[in-house]
């Protein structure tokens, strides 16, 4: 089914944010965002544990590329932010 947001938690002093970028030569995407408990739950629900891992030292999610669109959908549903899919930045 679709992704629906139940709650939106954001600090009143700072607007929500989300960024998705490639690292490790395009083998992994890093998702950095403002904290939202619904976002965390949805990432865990829609992306299997083999497709994501929490990087506590960066306070960011490492997302495997096949799950990039699912991550973008979750961000849109929970933070109201449209993620622009990053380019690899690698020239042939």
Protein backbone atom coordinates (compact mmCIF):
# COMPACT_ATOMS: atom_id res chain seq x y z
CA UNK A 1 0.00 0.00 0.00
CA UNK A 2 0.80 3.65 0.04
CA UNK A 3 2.75 5.52 2.64
CA UNK A 4 0.72 7.69 4.96
CA UNK A 5 2.00 10.01 7.62
CA UNK A 6 0.45 9.67 11.07
CA UNK A 7 2.34 12.38 12.89
CA UNK A 8 4.64 15.20 11.99
CA UNK A 9 7.07 16.23 14.69
CA UNK A 10 9.36 19.15 13.98
CA UNK A 11 10.97 21.71 16.18
CA UNK A 12 9.08 25.00 15.91
CA UNK A 13 12.40 26.86 15.75
CA UNK A 14 13.75 25.03 12.71
CA UNK A 15 11.92 23.79 9.61
CA UNK A 16 12.20 20.14 8.65
CA UNK A 17 14.99 19.22 6.24
CA UNK A 18 16.12 16.17 4.30
CA UNK A 19 19.07 15.51 1.98
CA UNK A 20 19.97 12.39 0.03
CA UNK A 21 23.42 11.96 -1.52
CA UNK A 22 25.65 9.22 -2.88
CA UNK A 23 28.84 8.10 -1.13
CA UNK A 24 31.27 5.23 -1.63
CA UNK A 25 31.33 5.71 -5.40
CA UNK A 26 27.56 5.35 -5.68
CA UNK A 27 27.27 2.13 -3.67
CA UNK A 28 25.38 3.83 -0.84
CA UNK A 29 23.12 6.82 -0.31
CA UNK A 30 23.18 8.91 2.85
CA UNK A 31 19.86 10.27 4.08
CA UNK A 32 20.19 13.15 6.54
CA UNK A 33 16.99 14.65 7.87
CA UNK A 34 15.39 16.36 10.79
CA UNK A 35 14.13 13.90 13.40
CA UNK A 36 10.60 12.62 13.02
CA UNK A 37 9.49 9.48 14.86
CA UNK A 38 7.00 8.63 12.11
CA UNK A 39 9.75 8.92 9.50
CA UNK A 40 11.96 6.50 11.43
CA UNK A 41 9.12 3.99 11.83
CA UNK A 42 8.22 4.25 8.13
CA UNK A 43 11.82 3.80 6.98
CA UNK A 44 12.01 0.64 9.06
CA UNK A 45 8.65 -0.56 7.74
CA UNK A 46 9.24 0.16 4.03
CA UNK A 47 12.97 -0.56 3.69
CA UNK A 48 14.24 -3.96 4.86
CA UNK A 49 17.13 -4.07 7.32
CA UNK A 50 19.38 -5.29 4.49
CA UNK A 51 18.65 -2.04 2.62
CA UNK A 52 19.33 0.47 5.40
CA UNK A 53 21.53 1.05 8.42
CA UNK A 54 21.69 3.82 11.01
CA UNK A 55 25.00 5.66 11.20
CA UNK A 56 24.97 6.95 14.76
CA UNK A 57 28.21 8.94 14.39
CA UNK A 58 26.63 10.89 11.50
CA UNK A 59 23.03 10.78 12.73
CA UNK A 60 22.05 9.68 9.24
CA UNK A 61 20.72 6.63 7.40
CA UNK A 62 22.79 4.69 4.88
CA UNK A 63 20.37 3.51 2.20
CA UNK A 64 21.16 0.95 -0.49
CA UNK A 65 20.48 2.43 -3.97
CA UNK A 66 17.57 0.08 -4.86
CA UNK A 67 15.65 1.62 -1.93
CA UNK A 68 16.28 5.28 -2.82
CA UNK A 69 12.77 5.88 -4.16
CA UNK A 70 11.19 4.26 -1.09
CA UNK A 71 13.28 6.57 1.13
CA UNK A 72 12.20 9.59 -0.93
CA UNK A 73 8.54 8.53 -0.65
CA UNK A 74 8.83 8.19 3.13
CA UNK A 75 10.45 11.64 3.42
CA UNK A 76 7.68 13.19 1.29
CA UNK A 77 4.96 11.53 3.37
CA UNK A 78 6.40 12.43 6.76
CA UNK A 79 8.28 15.70 6.26
CA UNK A 80 6.48 17.10 3.22
CA UNK A 81 9.81 17.47 1.42
CA UNK A 82 10.29 16.42 -2.19
CA UNK A 83 13.68 14.72 -2.49
CA UNK A 84 15.49 15.30 -5.75
CA UNK A 85 17.31 12.10 -6.60
CA UNK A 86 21.03 12.89 -6.65
CA UNK A 87 23.27 12.12 -9.57
CA UNK A 88 26.30 9.95 -9.05
CA UNK A 89 28.59 12.77 -10.08
CA UNK A 90 30.75 10.21 -11.86
CA UNK A 91 31.77 10.86 -15.44
CA UNK A 92 32.34 7.89 -17.74
